[in-house]
Amino acid sequence: MLFASVSAMAHKIVLVDDLDGSELGDNAVTTRFSLNGAHYEIDLGDANRQKLADALAPFISAGRRASAGAASARSAAPKKRGGAKSNTSAIREWANANGHTVGDRGRIPANIVEAYEAATGK
């Protein structure tokens, strides 16, 4: 005979302050922040959350708010390109006349578009 024993087990999740280890109870809040492109999450109680806010306050007041998807300072903002057929025929004509090889159809390489824009101011 085979006997099986099944016992119900309850799981209790206890959130603790990541800084001092104290239990957070029902007022647990995850605080998110970013620095130099790295994103962080930390669970803090009211007192430590206030300490973080106080420590960052002078930097926040002197800084600029950026959108969540903002590019880093090292990357250039993408250039706006016209829609399809914006000036591709002019770019192709210029490229072929100036020693670049581009086909009659298909995508024009970015370096050729940039060279065209630099040469023509368009």
PDB file of N, CA and C in Angstrom:
ATOM      1  N   MET A   1       0.827  -1.173   0.000  1.00  0.00           N
ATOM      2  CA  MET A   1       0.000   0.000   0.000  1.00  0.00           C
ATOM      3  C   MET A   1       0.875   1.241   0.000  1.00  0.00           C
ATOM      4  N   LEU A   2       0.356   2.223  -0.653  1.00  0.00           N
ATOM      5  CA  LEU A   2       1.066   3.488  -0.756  1.00  0.00           C
ATOM      6  C   LEU A   2       0.266   4.550  -0.034  1.00  0.00           C
ATOM      7  N   PHE A   3       0.901   5.207   0.861  1.00  0.00           N
ATOM      8  CA  PHE A   3       0.241   6.292   1.577  1.00  0.00           C
ATOM      9  C   PHE A   3       0.874   7.609   1.156  1.00  0.00           C
ATOM     10  N   ALA A   4       0.049   8.554   0.922  1.00  0.00           N
ATOM     11  CA  ALA A   4       0.555   9.880   0.570  1.00  0.00           C
ATOM     12  C   ALA A   4       0.049  10.876   1.590  1.00  0.00           C
ATOM     13  N   SER A   5       0.898  11.757   1.939  1.00  0.00           N
ATOM     14  CA  SER A   5       0.517  12.790   2.892  1.00  0.00           C
ATOM     15  C   SER A   5       0.644  14.147   2.202  1.00  0.00           C
ATOM     16  N   VAL A   6      -0.417  14.888   2.214  1.00  0.00           N
ATOM     17  CA  VAL A   6      -0.419  16.208   1.605  1.00  0.00           C
ATOM     18  C   VAL A   6      -0.696  17.218   2.708  1.00  0.00           C
ATOM     19  N   SER A   7       0.149  18.173   2.805  1.00  0.00           N
ATOM     20  CA  SER A   7      -0.101  19.211   3.808  1.00  0.00           C
ATOM     21  C   SER A   7      -0.153  20.563   3.114  1.00  0.00           C
ATOM     22  N   ALA A   8      -1.092  21.351   3.537  1.00  0.00           N
ATOM     23  CA  ALA A   8      -1.218  22.692   2.978  1.00  0.00           C
ATOM     24  C   ALA A   8      -0.202  23.581   3.676  1.00  0.00           C
ATOM     25  N   MET A   9       0.420  24.405   2.894  1.00  0.00           N
ATOM     26  CA  MET A   9       1.426  25.276   3.453  1.00  0.00           C
ATOM     27  C   MET A   9       1.119  26.712   3.062  1.00  0.00           C
ATOM     28  N   ALA A  10       1.096  27.573   4.005  1.00  0.00           N
ATOM     29  CA  ALA A  10       0.868  28.988   3.717  1.00  0.00           C
ATOM     30  C   ALA A  10       2.215  29.677   3.577  1.00  0.00           C
ATOM     31  N   HIS A  11       2.281  30.595   2.641  1.00  0.00           N
ATOM     32  CA  HIS A  11       3.504  31.365   2.436  1.00  0.00           C
ATOM     33  C   HIS A  11       3.235  32.801   2.838  1.00  0.00           C
ATOM     34  N   LYS A  12       4.134  33.337   3.589  1.00  0.00           N
ATOM     35  CA  LYS A  12       4.008  34.721   4.014  1.00  0.00           C
ATOM     36  C   LYS A  12       5.219  35.473   3.469  1.00  0.00           C
ATOM     37  N   ILE A  13       4.947  36.537   2.754  1.00  0.00           N
ATOM     38  CA  ILE A  13       6.022  37.356   2.212  1.00  0.00           C
ATOM     39  C   ILE A  13       6.193  38.555   3.128  1.00  0.00           C
ATOM     40  N   VAL A  14       7.392  38.716   3.616  1.00  0.00           N
ATOM     41  CA  VAL A  14       7.693  39.831   4.501  1.00  0.00           C
ATOM     42  C   VAL A  14       8.665  40.739   3.767  1.00  0.00           C
ATOM     43  N   LEU A  15       8.219  41.950   3.491  1.00  0.00           N
ATOM     44  CA  LEU A  15       9.108  42.916   2.850  1.00  0.00           C
ATOM     45  C   LEU A  15       9.882  43.664   3.916  1.00  0.00           C
ATOM     46  N   VAL A  16      11.176  43.807   3.665  1.00  0.00           N
ATOM     47  CA  VAL A  16      12.026  44.512   4.615  1.00  0.00           C
ATOM     48  C   VAL A  16      12.699  45.692   3.925  1.00  0.00           C
ATOM     49  N   ASP A  17      13.030  46.682   4.710  1.00  0.00           N
ATOM     50  CA  ASP A  17      13.759  47.847   4.229  1.00  0.00           C
ATOM     51  C   ASP A  17      15.138  47.365   3.779  1.00  0.00           C
ATOM     52  N   ASP A  18      15.478  47.637   2.525  1.00  0.00           N
ATOM     53  CA  ASP A  18      16.753  47.161   1.992  1.00  0.00           C
ATOM     54  C   ASP A  18      17.956  47.844   2.637  1.00  0.00           C
ATOM     55  N   LEU A  19      17.747  48.959   3.291  1.00  0.00           N
ATOM     56  CA  LEU A  19      18.855  49.681   3.905  1.00  0.00           C
ATOM     57  C   LEU A  19      19.112  49.243   5.345  1.00  0.00           C
ATOM     58  N   ASP A  20      18.051  49.122   6.142  1.00  0.00           N
ATOM     59  CA  ASP A  20      18.268  48.800   7.557  1.00  0.00           C
ATOM     60  C   ASP A  20      17.680  47.460   7.998  1.00  0.00           C
ATOM     61  N   GLY A  21      16.988  46.759   7.099  1.00  0.00           N
ATOM     62  CA  GLY A  21      16.472  45.436   7.424  1.00  0.00           C
ATOM     63  C   GLY A  21      15.191  45.404   8.228  1.00  0.00           C
ATOM     64  N   SER A  22      14.608  46.541   8.538  1.00  0.00           N
ATOM     65  CA  SER A  22      13.368  46.557   9.317  1.00  0.00           C
ATOM     66  C   SER A  22      12.190  46.117   8.450  1.00  0.00           C
ATOM     67  N   GLU A  23      11.197  45.485   9.102  1.00  0.00           N
ATOM     68  CA  GLU A  23      10.005  45.053   8.366  1.00  0.00           C
ATOM     69  C   GLU A  23       9.202  46.264   7.925  1.00  0.00           C
ATOM     70  N   LEU A  24       8.686  46.202   6.688  1.00  0.00           N
ATOM     71  CA  LEU A  24       7.955  47.338   6.138  1.00  0.00           C
ATOM     72  C   LEU A  24       6.460  47.271   6.391  1.00  0.00           C
ATOM     73  N   GLY A  25       5.919  46.108   6.589  1.00  0.00           N
ATOM     74  CA  GLY A  25       4.482  45.990   6.837  1.00  0.00           C
ATOM     75  C   GLY A  25       3.666  46.348   5.612  1.00  0.00           C
ATOM     76  N   ASP A  26       2.487  46.926   5.853  1.00  0.00           N
ATOM     77  CA  ASP A  26       1.559  47.225   4.762  1.00  0.00           C
ATOM     78  C   ASP A  26       1.917  48.479   3.973  1.00  0.00           C
ATOM     79  N   ASN A  27       2.816  49.309   4.483  1.00  0.00           N
ATOM     80  CA  ASN A  27       3.143  50.540   3.771  1.00  0.00           C
ATOM     81  C   ASN A  27       4.403  50.396   2.912  1.00  0.00           C
ATOM     82  N   ALA A  28       4.688  49.184   2.466  1.00  0.00           N
ATOM     83  CA  ALA A  28       5.871  48.940   1.642  1.00  0.00           C
ATOM     84  C   ALA A  28       5.727  49.624   0.285  1.00  0.00           C
ATOM     85  N   VAL A  29       6.770  50.333  -0.096  1.00  0.00           N
ATOM     86  CA  VAL A  29       6.799  51.014  -1.387  1.00  0.00           C
ATOM     87  C   VAL A  29       8.164  50.757  -2.009  1.00  0.00           C
ATOM     88  N   THR A  30       8.160  50.353  -3.263  1.00  0.00           N
ATOM     89  CA  THR A  30       9.413  50.199  -3.991  1.00  0.00           C
ATOM     90  C   THR A  30       9.745  51.534  -4.637  1.00  0.00           C
ATOM     91  N   THR A  31      10.938  52.027  -4.371  1.00  0.00           N
ATOM     92  CA  THR A  31      11.394  53.295  -4.926  1.00  0.00           C
ATOM     93  C   THR A  31      12.331  53.001  -6.082  1.00  0.00           C
ATOM     94  N   ARG A  32      12.087  53.668  -7.207  1.00  0.00           N
ATOM     95  CA  ARG A  32      12.921  53.474  -8.395  1.00  0.00           C
ATOM     96  C   ARG A  32      13.693  54.756  -8.672  1.00  0.00           C
ATOM     97  N   PHE A  33      14.947  54.596  -9.084  1.00  0.00           N
ATOM     98  CA  PHE A  33      15.739  55.757  -9.476  1.00  0.00           C
ATOM     99  C   PHE A  33      16.795  55.312 -10.475  1.00  0.00           C
ATOM    100  N   SER A  34      17.370  56.267 -11.183  1.00  0.00           N
ATOM    101  CA  SER A  34      18.378  55.983 -12.197  1.00  0.00           C
ATOM    102  C   SER A  34      19.569  56.902 -11.997  1.00  0.00           C
ATOM    103  N   LEU A  35      20.740  56.395 -12.337  1.00  0.00           N
ATOM    104  CA  LEU A  35      21.958  57.186 -12.277  1.00  0.00           C
ATOM    105  C   LEU A  35      22.904  56.684 -13.352  1.00  0.00           C
ATOM    106  N   ASN A  36      23.333  57.588 -14.207  1.00  0.00           N
ATOM    107  CA  ASN A  36      24.284  57.262 -15.275  1.00  0.00           C
ATOM    108  C   ASN A  36      23.822  56.091 -16.137  1.00  0.00           C
ATOM    109  N   GLY A  37      22.552  56.056 -16.443  1.00  0.00           N
ATOM    110  CA  GLY A  37      22.012  55.031 -17.325  1.00  0.00           C
ATOM    111  C   GLY A  37      21.672  53.719 -16.645  1.00  0.00           C
ATOM    112  N   ALA A  38      22.000  53.564 -15.372  1.00  0.00           N
ATOM    113  CA  ALA A  38      21.663  52.343 -14.637  1.00  0.00           C
ATOM    114  C   ALA A  38      20.394  52.613 -13.829  1.00  0.00           C
ATOM    115  N   HIS A  39      19.476  51.666 -13.848  1.00  0.00           N
ATOM    116  CA  HIS A  39      18.194  51.813 -13.167  1.00  0.00           C
ATOM    117  C   HIS A  39      18.195  50.935 -11.915  1.00  0.00           C
ATOM    118  N   TYR A  40      17.682  51.479 -10.826  1.00  0.00           N
ATOM    119  CA  TYR A  40      17.694  50.788  -9.544  1.00  0.00           C
ATOM    120  C   TYR A  40      16.303  50.752  -8.939  1.00  0.00           C
ATOM    121  N   GLU A  41      16.060  49.738  -8.098  1.00  0.00           N
ATOM    122  CA  GLU A  41      14.851  49.628  -7.285  1.00  0.00           C
ATOM    123  C   GLU A  41      15.308  49.324  -5.873  1.00  0.00           C
ATOM    124  N   ILE A  42      14.663  49.938  -4.911  1.00  0.00           N
ATOM    125  CA  ILE A  42      14.997  49.681  -3.515  1.00  0.00           C
ATOM    126  C   ILE A  42      13.710  49.782  -2.697  1.00  0.00           C
ATOM    127  N   ASP A  43      13.539  48.853  -1.760  1.00  0.00           N
ATOM    128  CA  ASP A  43      12.387  48.885  -0.859  1.00  0.00           C
ATOM    129  C   ASP A  43      12.821  49.622   0.398  1.00  0.00           C
ATOM    130  N   LEU A  44      12.128  50.718   0.700  1.00  0.00           N
ATOM    131  CA  LEU A  44      12.490  51.548   1.842  1.00  0.00           C
ATOM    132  C   LEU A  44      11.270  51.867   2.682  1.00  0.00           C
ATOM    133  N   GLY A  45      11.483  51.970   3.987  1.00  0.00           N
ATOM    134  CA  GLY A  45      10.440  52.456   4.878  1.00  0.00           C
ATOM    135  C   GLY A  45      10.336  53.968   4.745  1.00  0.00           C
ATOM    136  N   ASP A  46       9.355  54.532   5.423  1.00  0.00           N
ATOM    137  CA  ASP A  46       9.111  55.974   5.315  1.00  0.00           C
ATOM    138  C   ASP A  46      10.346  56.805   5.660  1.00  0.00           C
ATOM    139  N   ALA A  47      11.024  56.467   6.747  1.00  0.00           N
ATOM    140  CA  ALA A  47      12.168  57.270   7.197  1.00  0.00           C
ATOM    141  C   ALA A  47      13.317  57.221   6.187  1.00  0.00           C
ATOM    142  N   ASN A  48      13.646  56.029   5.697  1.00  0.00           N
ATOM    143  CA  ASN A  48      14.751  55.923   4.742  1.00  0.00           C
ATOM    144  C   ASN A  48      14.379  56.476   3.369  1.00  0.00           C
ATOM    145  N   ARG A  49      13.110  56.382   3.000  1.00  0.00           N
ATOM    146  CA  ARG A  49      12.663  56.977   1.734  1.00  0.00           C
ATOM    147  C   ARG A  49      12.812  58.498   1.811  1.00  0.00           C
ATOM    148  N   GLN A  50      12.505  59.063   2.983  1.00  0.00           N
ATOM    149  CA  GLN A  50      12.667  60.508   3.175  1.00  0.00           C
ATOM    150  C   GLN A  50      14.146  60.897   3.159  1.00  0.00           C
ATOM    151  N   LYS A  51      15.007  60.053   3.754  1.00  0.00           N
ATOM    152  CA  LYS A  51      16.451  60.327   3.729  1.00  0.00           C
ATOM    153  C   LYS A  51      16.970  60.354   2.289  1.00  0.00           C
ATOM    154  N   LEU A  52      16.502  59.412   1.465  1.00  0.00           N
ATOM    155  CA  LEU A  52      16.909  59.382   0.056  1.00  0.00           C
ATOM    156  C   LEU A  52      16.431  60.640  -0.657  1.00  0.00           C
ATOM    157  N   ALA A  53      15.170  61.005  -0.436  1.00  0.00           N
ATOM    158  CA  ALA A  53      14.617  62.208  -1.075  1.00  0.00           C
ATOM    159  C   ALA A  53      15.382  63.455  -0.641  1.00  0.00           C
ATOM    160  N   ASP A  54      15.713  63.549   0.644  1.00  0.00           N
ATOM    161  CA  ASP A  54      16.459  64.705   1.151  1.00  0.00           C
ATOM    162  C   ASP A  54      17.865  64.764   0.549  1.00  0.00           C
ATOM    163  N   ALA A  55      18.508  63.597   0.425  1.00  0.00           N
ATOM    164  CA  ALA A  55      19.863  63.562  -0.132  1.00  0.00           C
ATOM    165  C   ALA A  55      19.879  63.964  -1.605  1.00  0.00           C
ATOM    166  N   LEU A  56      18.841  63.588  -2.340  1.00  0.00           N
ATOM    167  CA  LEU A  56      18.787  63.890  -3.774  1.00  0.00           C
ATOM    168  C   LEU A  56      18.211  65.268  -4.080  1.00  0.00           C
ATOM    169  N   ALA A  57      17.543  65.887  -3.116  1.00  0.00           N
ATOM    170  CA  ALA A  57      16.829  67.149  -3.353  1.00  0.00           C
ATOM    171  C   ALA A  57      17.675  68.233  -4.013  1.00  0.00           C
ATOM    172  N   PRO A  58      18.909  68.509  -3.570  1.00  0.00           N
ATOM    173  CA  PRO A  58      19.671  69.576  -4.224  1.00  0.00           C
ATOM    174  C   PRO A  58      20.020  69.248  -5.674  1.00  0.00           C
ATOM    175  N   PHE A  59      20.233  67.977  -5.967  1.00  0.00           N
ATOM    176  CA  PHE A  59      20.566  67.575  -7.332  1.00  0.00           C
ATOM    177  C   PHE A  59      19.335  67.625  -8.233  1.00  0.00           C
ATOM    178  N   ILE A  60      18.195  67.233  -7.669  1.00  0.00           N
ATOM    179  CA  ILE A  60      16.947  67.275  -8.434  1.00  0.00           C
ATOM    180  C   ILE A  60      16.568  68.714  -8.749  1.00  0.00           C
ATOM    181  N   SER A  61      16.718  69.608  -7.774  1.00  0.00           N
ATOM    182  CA  SER A  61      16.330  71.003  -8.016  1.00  0.00           C
ATOM    183  C   SER A  61      17.264  71.685  -9.011  1.00  0.00           C
ATOM    184  N   ALA A  62      18.509  71.248  -9.091  1.00  0.00           N
ATOM    185  CA  ALA A  62      19.453  71.846 -10.043  1.00  0.00           C
ATOM    186  C   ALA A  62      19.409  71.172 -11.408  1.00  0.00           C
ATOM    187  N   GLY A  63      18.809  69.987 -11.479  1.00  0.00           N
ATOM    188  CA  GLY A  63      18.805  69.225 -12.726  1.00  0.00           C
ATOM    189  C   GLY A  63      17.596  69.513 -13.592  1.00  0.00           C
ATOM    190  N   ARG A  64      17.549  68.816 -14.707  1.00  0.00           N
ATOM    191  CA  ARG A  64      16.429  68.894 -15.646  1.00  0.00           C
ATOM    192  C   ARG A  64      15.722  67.547 -15.647  1.00  0.00           C
ATOM    193  N   ARG A  65      14.419  67.571 -15.738  1.00  0.00           N
ATOM    194  CA  ARG A  65      13.652  66.328 -15.811  1.00  0.00           C
ATOM    195  C   ARG A  65      13.755  65.786 -17.233  1.00  0.00           C
ATOM    196  N   ALA A  66      14.026  64.511 -17.370  1.00  0.00           N
ATOM    197  CA  ALA A  66      14.138  63.864 -18.674  1.00  0.00           C
ATOM    198  C   ALA A  66      13.057  62.813 -18.798  1.00  0.00           C
ATOM    199  N   SER A  67      12.610  62.577 -20.016  1.00  0.00           N
ATOM    200  CA  SER A  67      11.610  61.532 -20.223  1.00  0.00           C
ATOM    201  C   SER A  67      12.257  60.176 -20.007  1.00  0.00           C
ATOM    202  N   ALA A  68      11.459  59.170 -19.764  1.00  0.00           N
ATOM    203  CA  ALA A  68      11.968  57.830 -19.490  1.00  0.00           C
ATOM    204  C   ALA A  68      12.790  57.286 -20.635  1.00  0.00           C
ATOM    205  N   GLY A  69      12.460  57.637 -21.849  1.00  0.00           N
ATOM    206  CA  GLY A  69      13.185  57.129 -23.008  1.00  0.00           C
ATOM    207  C   GLY A  69      14.220  58.083 -23.539  1.00  0.00           C
ATOM    208  N   ALA A  70      14.607  59.068 -22.753  1.00  0.00           N
ATOM    209  CA  ALA A  70      15.565  60.060 -23.244  1.00  0.00           C
ATOM    210  C   ALA A  70      16.902  59.401 -23.530  1.00  0.00           C
ATOM    211  N   ALA A  71      17.532  59.842 -24.593  1.00  0.00           N
ATOM    212  CA  ALA A  71      18.840  59.311 -24.962  1.00  0.00           C
ATOM    213  C   ALA A  71      19.885  59.841 -23.996  1.00  0.00           C
ATOM    214  N   SER A  72      20.949  59.093 -23.820  1.00  0.00           N
ATOM    215  CA  SER A  72      22.023  59.561 -22.959  1.00  0.00           C
ATOM    216  C   SER A  72      22.728  60.728 -23.628  1.00  0.00           C
ATOM    217  N   ALA A  73      23.466  61.480 -22.847  1.00  0.00           N
ATOM    218  CA  ALA A  73      24.140  62.670 -23.373  1.00  0.00           C
ATOM    219  C   ALA A  73      25.162  62.304 -24.434  1.00  0.00           C
ATOM    220  N   ARG A  74      25.693  61.087 -24.381  1.00  0.00           N
ATOM    221  CA  ARG A  74      26.712  60.693 -25.342  1.00  0.00           C
ATOM    222  C   ARG A  74      26.135  60.335 -26.701  1.00  0.00           C
ATOM    223  N   SER A  75      24.871  60.000 -26.772  1.00  0.00           N
ATOM    224  CA  SER A  75      24.306  59.624 -28.067  1.00  0.00           C
ATOM    225  C   SER A  75      23.599  60.812 -28.687  1.00  0.00           C
ATOM    226  N   ALA A  76      23.785  60.971 -29.965  1.00  0.00           N
ATOM    227  CA  ALA A  76      23.176  62.098 -30.669  1.00  0.00           C
ATOM    228  C   ALA A  76      21.706  61.819 -30.903  1.00  0.00           C
ATOM    229  N   ALA A  77      20.926  62.861 -30.934  1.00  0.00           N
ATOM    230  CA  ALA A  77      19.506  62.707 -31.238  1.00  0.00           C
ATOM    231  C   ALA A  77      19.373  62.294 -32.695  1.00  0.00           C
ATOM    232  N   PRO A  78      18.456  61.393 -32.989  1.00  0.00           N
ATOM    233  CA  PRO A  78      18.310  60.965 -34.375  1.00  0.00           C
ATOM    234  C   PRO A  78      17.815  62.109 -35.244  1.00  0.00           C
ATOM    235  N   LYS A  79      18.306  62.141 -36.461  1.00  0.00           N
ATOM    236  CA  LYS A  79      17.850  63.163 -37.396  1.00  0.00           C
ATOM    237  C   LYS A  79      16.483  62.786 -37.907  1.00  0.00           C
ATOM    238  N   LYS A  80      15.677  63.797 -38.125  1.00  0.00           N
ATOM    239  CA  LYS A  80      14.371  63.534 -38.705  1.00  0.00           C
ATOM    240  C   LYS A  80      14.556  63.294 -40.188  1.00  0.00           C
ATOM    241  N   ARG A  81      13.970  62.263 -40.659  1.00  0.00           N
ATOM    242  CA  ARG A  81      14.028  61.941 -42.076  1.00  0.00           C
ATOM    243  C   ARG A  81      12.646  62.182 -42.658  1.00  0.00           C
ATOM    244  N   GLY A  82      12.620  62.552 -43.889  1.00  0.00           N
ATOM    245  CA  GLY A  82      11.342  62.750 -44.561  1.00  0.00           C
ATOM    246  C   GLY A  82      10.671  61.416 -44.782  1.00  0.00           C
ATOM    247  N   GLY A  83       9.442  61.459 -45.176  1.00  0.00           N
ATOM    248  CA  GLY A  83       8.719  60.235 -45.455  1.00  0.00           C
ATOM    249  C   GLY A  83       9.256  59.573 -46.708  1.00  0.00           C
ATOM    250  N   ALA A  84       8.651  58.478 -47.072  1.00  0.00           N
ATOM    251  CA  ALA A  84       9.073  57.768 -48.268  1.00  0.00           C
ATOM    252  C   ALA A  84       9.013  58.705 -49.462  1.00  0.00           C
ATOM    253  N   LYS A  85       9.958  58.602 -50.329  1.00  0.00           N
ATOM    254  CA  LYS A  85      10.042  59.396 -51.555  1.00  0.00           C
ATOM    255  C   LYS A  85      10.255  60.876 -51.270  1.00  0.00           C
ATOM    256  N   SER A  86      10.772  61.227 -50.077  1.00  0.00           N
ATOM    257  CA  SER A  86      10.943  62.640 -49.752  1.00  0.00           C
ATOM    258  C   SER A  86      11.879  63.314 -50.734  1.00  0.00           C
ATOM    259  N   ASN A  87      13.108  62.863 -50.815  1.00  0.00           N
ATOM    260  CA  ASN A  87      14.036  63.410 -51.789  1.00  0.00           C
ATOM    261  C   ASN A  87      15.029  62.345 -52.230  1.00  0.00           C
ATOM    262  N   THR A  88      14.586  61.108 -52.231  1.00  0.00           N
ATOM    263  CA  THR A  88      15.485  60.007 -52.571  1.00  0.00           C
ATOM    264  C   THR A  88      16.028  60.110 -53.986  1.00  0.00           C
ATOM    265  N   SER A  89      15.221  60.574 -54.917  1.00  0.00           N
ATOM    266  CA  SER A  89      15.728  60.671 -56.295  1.00  0.00           C
ATOM    267  C   SER A  89      16.831  61.718 -56.382  1.00  0.00           C
ATOM    268  N   ALA A  90      16.696  62.825 -55.655  1.00  0.00           N
ATOM    269  CA  ALA A  90      17.742  63.852 -55.654  1.00  0.00           C
ATOM    270  C   ALA A  90      19.011  63.322 -54.991  1.00  0.00           C
ATOM    271  N   ILE A  91      18.847  62.559 -53.915  1.00  0.00           N
ATOM    272  CA  ILE A  91      20.013  61.988 -53.232  1.00  0.00           C
ATOM    273  C   ILE A  91      20.716  61.002 -54.148  1.00  0.00           C
ATOM    274  N   ARG A  92      19.957  60.139 -54.823  1.00  0.00           N
ATOM    275  CA  ARG A  92      20.555  59.160 -55.742  1.00  0.00           C
ATOM    276  C   ARG A  92      21.307  59.863 -56.868  1.00  0.00           C
ATOM    277  N   GLU A  93      20.696  60.891 -57.426  1.00  0.00           N
ATOM    278  CA  GLU A  93      21.329  61.627 -58.523  1.00  0.00           C
ATOM    279  C   GLU A  93      22.630  62.274 -58.043  1.00  0.00           C
ATOM    280  N   TRP A  94      22.577  62.926 -56.882  1.00  0.00           N
ATOM    281  CA  TRP A  94      23.767  63.565 -56.322  1.00  0.00           C
ATOM    282  C   TRP A  94      24.844  62.523 -56.031  1.00  0.00           C
ATOM    283  N   ALA A  95      24.457  61.402 -55.404  1.00  0.00           N
ATOM    284  CA  ALA A  95      25.423  60.367 -55.028  1.00  0.00           C
ATOM    285  C   ALA A  95      26.142  59.814 -56.249  1.00  0.00           C
ATOM    286  N   ASN A  96      25.393  59.477 -57.295  1.00  0.00           N
ATOM    287  CA  ASN A  96      26.009  58.924 -58.503  1.00  0.00           C
ATOM    288  C   ASN A  96      26.912  59.947 -59.188  1.00  0.00           C
ATOM    289  N   ALA A  97      26.545  61.223 -59.130  1.00  0.00           N
ATOM    290  CA  ALA A  97      27.359  62.271 -59.754  1.00  0.00           C
ATOM    291  C   ALA A  97      28.607  62.588 -58.935  1.00  0.00           C
ATOM    292  N   ASN A  98      28.628  62.165 -57.670  1.00  0.00           N
ATOM    293  CA  ASN A  98      29.749  62.496 -56.791  1.00  0.00           C
ATOM    294  C   ASN A  98      30.540  61.270 -56.344  1.00  0.00           C
ATOM    295  N   GLY A  99      30.551  60.244 -57.173  1.00  0.00           N
ATOM    296  CA  GLY A  99      31.413  59.092 -56.935  1.00  0.00           C
ATOM    297  C   GLY A  99      30.889  58.024 -56.004  1.00  0.00           C
ATOM    298  N   HIS A 100      29.649  58.128 -55.586  1.00  0.00           N
ATOM    299  CA  HIS A 100      29.049  57.090 -54.742  1.00  0.00           C
ATOM    300  C   HIS A 100      28.245  56.157 -55.636  1.00  0.00           C
ATOM    301  N   THR A 101      28.147  54.912 -55.238  1.00  0.00           N
ATOM    302  CA  THR A 101      27.363  53.955 -56.009  1.00  0.00           C
ATOM    303  C   THR A 101      26.094  53.625 -55.240  1.00  0.00           C
ATOM    304  N   VAL A 102      24.963  54.003 -55.807  1.00  0.00           N
ATOM    305  CA  VAL A 102      23.670  53.652 -55.223  1.00  0.00           C
ATOM    306  C   VAL A 102      22.777  53.132 -56.330  1.00  0.00           C
ATOM    307  N   GLY A 103      21.937  52.193 -55.972  1.00  0.00           N
ATOM    308  CA  GLY A 103      21.027  51.619 -56.953  1.00  0.00           C
ATOM    309  C   GLY A 103      19.834  52.523 -57.212  1.00  0.00           C
ATOM    310  N   ASP A 104      19.047  52.139 -58.197  1.00  0.00           N
ATOM    311  CA  ASP A 104      17.848  52.899 -58.537  1.00  0.00           C
ATOM    312  C   ASP A 104      16.728  52.674 -57.527  1.00  0.00           C
ATOM    313  N   ARG A 105      16.830  51.592 -56.760  1.00  0.00           N
ATOM    314  CA  ARG A 105      15.794  51.252 -55.785  1.00  0.00           C
ATOM    315  C   ARG A 105      16.448  50.830 -54.489  1.00  0.00           C
ATOM    316  N   GLY A 106      15.653  50.779 -53.447  1.00  0.00           N
ATOM    317  CA  GLY A 106      16.133  50.289 -52.156  1.00  0.00           C
ATOM    318  C   GLY A 106      16.610  51.398 -51.243  1.00  0.00           C
ATOM    319  N   ARG A 107      17.054  50.972 -50.093  1.00  0.00           N
ATOM    320  CA  ARG A 107      17.488  51.901 -49.056  1.00  0.00           C
ATOM    321  C   ARG A 107      18.803  52.555 -49.452  1.00  0.00           C
ATOM    322  N   ILE A 108      18.892  53.843 -49.170  1.00  0.00           N
ATOM    323  CA  ILE A 108      20.128  54.577 -49.407  1.00  0.00           C
ATOM    324  C   ILE A 108      20.910  54.549 -48.094  1.00  0.00           C
ATOM    325  N   PRO A 109      22.169  54.111 -48.122  1.00  0.00           N
ATOM    326  CA  PRO A 109      22.947  54.050 -46.886  1.00  0.00           C
ATOM    327  C   PRO A 109      23.009  55.402 -46.173  1.00  0.00           C
ATOM    328  N   ALA A 110      22.986  55.356 -44.852  1.00  0.00           N
ATOM    329  CA  ALA A 110      22.956  56.576 -44.041  1.00  0.00           C
ATOM    330  C   ALA A 110      24.149  57.481 -44.309  1.00  0.00           C
ATOM    331  N   ASN A 111      25.333  56.888 -44.539  1.00  0.00           N
ATOM    332  CA  ASN A 111      26.504  57.732 -44.765  1.00  0.00           C
ATOM    333  C   ASN A 111      26.375  58.539 -46.052  1.00  0.00           C
ATOM    334  N   ILE A 112      25.680  58.003 -47.048  1.00  0.00           N
ATOM    335  CA  ILE A 112      25.467  58.742 -48.298  1.00  0.00           C
ATOM    336  C   ILE A 112      24.437  59.844 -48.082  1.00  0.00           C
ATOM    337  N   VAL A 113      23.379  59.549 -47.330  1.00  0.00           N
ATOM    338  CA  VAL A 113      22.372  60.574 -47.026  1.00  0.00           C
ATOM    339  C   VAL A 113      23.027  61.715 -46.251  1.00  0.00           C
ATOM    340  N   GLU A 114      23.873  61.370 -45.269  1.00  0.00           N
ATOM    341  CA  GLU A 114      24.550  62.398 -44.477  1.00  0.00           C
ATOM    342  C   GLU A 114      25.498  63.222 -45.337  1.00  0.00           C
ATOM    343  N   ALA A 115      26.215  62.574 -46.263  1.00  0.00           N
ATOM    344  CA  ALA A 115      27.112  63.307 -47.162  1.00  0.00           C
ATOM    345  C   ALA A 115      26.318  64.249 -48.054  1.00  0.00           C
ATOM    346  N   TYR A 116      25.174  63.791 -48.549  1.00  0.00           N
ATOM    347  CA  TYR A 116      24.295  64.635 -49.372  1.00  0.00           C
ATOM    348  C   TYR A 116      23.825  65.847 -48.575  1.00  0.00           C
ATOM    349  N   GLU A 117      23.374  65.608 -47.343  1.00  0.00           N
ATOM    350  CA  GLU A 117      22.876  66.702 -46.507  1.00  0.00           C
ATOM    351  C   GLU A 117      23.980  67.707 -46.193  1.00  0.00           C
ATOM    352  N   ALA A 118      25.192  67.204 -45.936  1.00  0.00           N
ATOM    353  CA  ALA A 118      26.310  68.101 -45.640  1.00  0.00           C
ATOM    354  C   ALA A 118      26.688  68.929 -46.866  1.00  0.00           C
ATOM    355  N   ALA A 119      26.643  68.299 -48.039  1.00  0.00           N
ATOM    356  CA  ALA A 119      27.046  68.990 -49.267  1.00  0.00           C
ATOM    357  C   ALA A 119      26.004  69.981 -49.753  1.00  0.00           C
ATOM    358  N   THR A 120      24.739  69.672 -49.535  1.00  0.00           N
ATOM    359  CA  THR A 120      23.680  70.517 -50.089  1.00  0.00           C
ATOM    360  C   THR A 120      22.987  71.384 -49.046  1.00  0.00           C
ATOM    361  N   GLY A 121      23.228  71.110 -47.787  1.00  0.00           N
ATOM    362  CA  GLY A 121      22.555  71.875 -46.739  1.00  0.00           C
ATOM    363  C   GLY A 121      21.092  71.525 -46.593  1.00  0.00           C
ATOM    364  N   LYS A 122      20.671  70.402 -47.122  1.00  0.00           N
ATOM    365  CA  LYS A 122      19.260  69.992 -47.048  1.00  0.00           C
ATOM    366  C   LYS A 122      19.064  68.935 -46.001  1.00  0.00           C
TER     367      LYS A 122
END
